[in-house]
Amino acid sequence: MDQDNTRTGKTFIGVSLMIFISKVFGFARDIVFAFVFGTTVLTDLFQVIFSLPSLLFSSIGNALSFVNIPDLTYYLKHGTREERNHYLSNLYAQVALGAALLSLLGIVFAPALTKIIAPGVQAEVSSMALLLTRIMIPTLLFVTLTYITAGVLQVHGYFLLSAAISIPFNFLIIAALILKGQDIIFLGIVTTLGWLLQFLIQIPVLFKEKYHFSCKIDWKNEHTVNMFKHLLPILLGNALLQLCLIIDRSFGTHLDEGTAAALGFGSNLFITITGVFIIALSIVIFPRLSQYCMDGDYRLVRSILRYGFKILAFILLPYLILVVAYSHDIIALVYERGAFTSTSTYLTATAFLCYSFAVVGYACQEVFNRVFYALKRFKTPMYVSLVCLLLHFVLNLMFYRQAGIAGLALSTAFCLLLYALIMGIMVRRVIGSFLGRDIVNFFLRLGLPAAGMIAIIFAGKHLFTDGIWLSFLLPLTASGIVYLLLAWFTGFRQELIMKEDPR
């Protein structure tokens, strides 16, 4: 078990590094986008419509991947190569056919769909909104194929490649922005083609692993039948954060110009930073969770959950401290240039800070849901998610005009935190207590590195008041170094790299 945990720790580091590189290019894409568009009505339009493929379609792809990984693991362990190939070929054929038909329906009914996802869009850009919706609807096909293939790569251990597929996509978007500037229709076309590219660059691995495909569809295959049966519960259960963000941006179109854009920039930055570690951990542990749950070994499931939450707590606590202290400075450094003004910075910093309080719920959504999916209990996350989503919609409806952008983002954070609490209780009922005394002591011991970090930030804010280097970057860097040094000397390194054998 020690060797398995060491391997998991090293894989997590490697995947985190690759996702970090991918997110850096995602940062660059958002920076160039903000420079070109700022927080204007065009940005509102693109952010709202882009949220459909970026958030909702990605959630559908994730849902397919969550079902596929345990099923493919089963075929690799218990089936023949022919059975494995038949299963995956059948899955691709059914998903491609279903996604293509839905895309066609989306194009036909785009006028009604546009009114739903962008209800407050200004009349002068309504025709552009309709065209952009029709251009980006076909991404459903490419996104679903991309995520299914990424799941196949993860089962076969190609974690780094599956984490790197967004790098060419971001290059493509940046090139489109530089070449065409504020041509939002061209940007929509390139975005759709970028998702196709993410699928295509993974295909060589499928051939390397000797997968063979045919166009014949077996509608009675047990695993694919169950996959489509469970798709909606998985989608609704695992898309709470993403659906909350879509709802926030839709409500934002009813507020001042630039609100939806600021919500988009703020949430993208939040997900970009925290997702490096949350998604990396979930990617690495899910195949093992599937195996442990298939074997009925809840002792190992509890063990890997404790290990995962220790890693996330160690990383995400300093993130929260830095965001509370420097949210405005971070947004100004990343985005404030060109058409992105100081007003844009204020709005986006507010959204970024408030969304960051959703980090606990975001982590629990990604980790707890995978436990239930590995156990093939797909409906529990769905029911909890629906309750929290309804609460979020009601809170937005009641307070969005009075509380504005902060109210929308804080509503999401509150509902994600509630989701984490309920799901934690549900997981405990199924596998037993996974938060033992050791993890409580771990959290308490984090107080010393956190206190050292806060002290450096406090001193920096009082000693230096002018200049971005002295008032922001220097204390930010120094506080991070102090946090790591105190953690090193208090023994966190060994605990995070080499996890004890569970009892």
Foldseek 3Di string as FASTA:
>chain_A
DLVVLLVLLVLLVLLLVLLLVLLVLVLVLVQLVCQQPAQFLLLLLCLLLVLCCVAQLLLLLQLLLLLLLLVLLCCVVPHDLVVSLQVVQQLLLVLLVVLVVVLVVCLVPLLVVLCVSAVLRDPVCSVVSSLLNNLQSSLSNLSNLLSNLLSVCLSVPVSSLNSNLCNVLSVQLSVCCVVPRSPVSVSSNSNSVSSNSSNVVSVVVCVVVPRDHDNDHDPPPPSSVVSVVLSVLSSLLLRLLSVLLSLLSNLQSVDDRSLSSLLSLLVSVLCSVLVSNLVSSLSSCLSVLLVCLVVVPLLVVLQSVLLSVLVSLLPLVLVLVLLVLQLLVVLCVSHDHNNHHSVSSVSNSLLNNLLSLLSLLNSLSSSLCSNCSSNVNRNPSNVLSVVLNVQLNVQCVVPCVPVPSNSSNNSSSVSSVVSSVVSQVVSCVPSNDSCDPVSVVSSVLLVVLSVQLVVLLVVQCVPDPDDCVSNPVVSSVVSVVSSVVSCVVVPVVCCNSRPDDGD
